[in-house]
Protein backbone atom coordinates (compact mmCIF):
# COMPACT_ATOMS: atom_id res chain seq x y z
CA MET A 1 106.53 100.72 70.67
CA ILE A 2 107.16 100.64 74.31
CA SER A 3 108.90 97.52 75.38
CA LYS A 4 107.83 95.13 77.84
CA SER A 5 111.01 95.22 79.83
CA ARG A 6 111.03 98.35 80.05
CA MET A 7 107.55 98.60 81.48
CA THR A 8 107.80 95.66 83.93
CA THR A 9 110.88 97.59 85.41
CA ASP A 10 109.05 100.61 85.87
CA LEU A 11 106.19 98.90 87.67
CA THR A 12 108.84 96.60 89.72
CA ALA A 13 110.50 99.63 90.96
CA GLN A 14 107.35 101.78 91.38
CA SER A 15 105.96 98.48 93.55
CA ILE A 16 109.26 98.30 95.72
CA LEU A 17 109.48 101.80 96.33
CA LEU A 18 105.63 102.41 97.18
CA THR A 19 105.48 99.23 99.44
CA VAL A 20 108.67 101.05 101.18
CA VAL A 21 106.71 104.12 101.72
CA VAL A 22 103.63 102.80 102.87
CA ILE A 23 105.58 100.54 105.34
CA LEU A 24 107.44 103.38 106.81
CA LEU A 25 104.32 105.53 107.37
CA LEU A 26 102.50 102.74 109.04
CA ALA A 27 105.53 101.79 111.34
CA GLY A 28 106.15 105.49 112.12
CA ALA A 29 103.81 108.60 111.17
CA TYR A 30 105.88 110.43 109.19
CA SER A 31 109.13 109.45 109.76
CA PRO A 32 112.13 111.14 107.52
CA TRP A 33 113.06 108.02 106.19
CA ALA A 34 109.58 107.67 104.66
CA LEU A 35 109.82 110.89 103.27
CA ILE A 36 113.23 110.21 101.46
CA ALA A 37 111.33 107.17 100.22
CA PHE A 38 108.49 109.02 99.04
CA THR A 39 111.06 111.81 97.46
CA ALA A 40 112.99 108.50 95.55
CA LEU A 41 109.42 107.28 94.20
CA ALA A 42 108.59 110.61 93.46
CA LEU A 43 111.62 111.10 91.12
CA TRP A 44 111.58 107.97 89.50
CA GLN A 45 108.46 108.83 88.52
CA VAL A 46 109.06 112.41 87.37
CA GLY A 47 111.90 110.19 85.43
CA SER A 48 109.49 107.67 83.97
CA ALA A 49 106.97 110.03 82.67
CA LEU A 50 109.35 112.08 80.99
CA HIS A 51 111.03 109.13 79.50
CA LEU A 52 107.96 108.09 78.08
CA ALA A 53 106.39 111.55 77.45
CA LEU A 54 109.33 112.66 75.57
CA GLY A 55 110.75 109.44 74.24
CA TYR A 56 107.92 107.77 73.26
CA ALA A 57 105.32 110.88 72.70
CA TYR A 58 103.11 109.57 75.40
CA ARG A 59 100.59 112.37 76.12
CA GLU A 60 98.95 110.94 79.19
CA ARG A 61 102.40 111.21 81.02
CA PHE A 62 102.24 114.92 80.25
CA PHE A 63 99.16 115.57 82.27
CA TYR A 64 100.79 113.91 84.98
CA LEU A 65 104.35 116.37 84.78
CA LYS A 66 102.04 119.77 84.59
CA VAL A 67 100.09 118.50 87.82
CA PHE A 68 102.94 117.10 89.63
CA ALA A 69 104.93 120.55 88.91
CA LEU A 70 101.70 122.70 89.94
CA LEU A 71 101.74 120.52 93.29
CA LEU A 72 105.30 121.10 93.59
CA ILE A 73 105.09 124.68 92.82
CA ALA A 74 102.42 125.38 95.15
CA LEU A 75 104.12 122.57 97.96
CA PRO A 76 105.13 125.67 100.23
CA LEU A 77 102.01 127.38 100.35
CA LYS A 78 100.43 124.20 101.11
CA LEU A 79 102.66 123.54 104.06
CA TRP A 80 102.03 126.93 105.39
CA LEU A 81 98.31 126.33 105.35
CA ALA A 82 98.05 122.50 106.16
CA GLY A 83 100.94 121.36 107.58
CA ALA A 84 102.45 117.82 107.07
CA TRP A 85 98.85 116.87 105.23
CA ALA A 86 100.06 118.94 102.14
CA PHE A 87 101.87 116.10 101.18
CA PHE A 88 98.24 113.67 100.87
CA LEU A 89 98.05 115.44 97.37
CA LEU A 90 101.28 114.12 95.65
CA GLY A 91 100.71 110.93 97.24
CA VAL A 92 97.47 110.42 95.70
CA LEU A 93 99.21 111.67 92.61
CA ALA A 94 101.69 109.05 93.37
CA SER A 95 99.08 106.49 93.68
CA ALA A 96 97.03 107.50 90.47
CA TYR A 97 100.41 107.48 88.62
CA PHE A 98 101.41 103.56 89.99
CA TRP A 99 97.92 102.94 89.00
CA VAL A 100 98.56 104.08 85.16
CA THR A 101 101.67 102.47 85.12
CA PHE A 102 100.16 99.03 86.21
CA ARG A 103 97.54 99.83 83.79
CA ASP A 104 99.60 100.23 80.75
CA THR A 105 102.07 97.51 81.58
CA ILE A 106 99.35 95.16 81.59
CA ILE A 107 98.15 96.42 77.86
CA VAL A 108 101.70 96.11 76.68
CA LEU A 109 102.16 92.44 78.48
CA GLU A 110 98.81 91.52 76.35
CA ARG A 111 100.15 92.97 73.05
CA PRO A 112 101.10 90.45 70.79
CA ARG A 113 104.55 89.75 69.50
CA SER A 114 105.80 91.22 66.66
CA PHE A 115 107.31 89.14 63.63
CA TRP A 116 111.10 90.31 64.68
CA ASP A 117 110.65 88.97 68.47
CA ILE A 118 109.71 85.27 66.82
């Protein structure tokens, strides 16, 4: 069973990183700091998905890992064809993963406490 503290820590870290990415992108389009922050967000999300998929056998996170790997493998081709717009799909995937984490955190927080938590 996924703990409440694990999900809230995951959601908080993703919220902070996503906010930093959005602020940096709004401040200066495609600055190197935004790319570094986006890379940190992607690494956090991949680590989170690996932990949930392997540690808790959470099947929905395997899909994210497969799509992320596919987009990462195709990134050089996308950069050649679309330039900086190639990161758009990775941004959509990061936003979708954040939404799934938000939804799952709400589900975990609304779950009744077990006898052992009392």
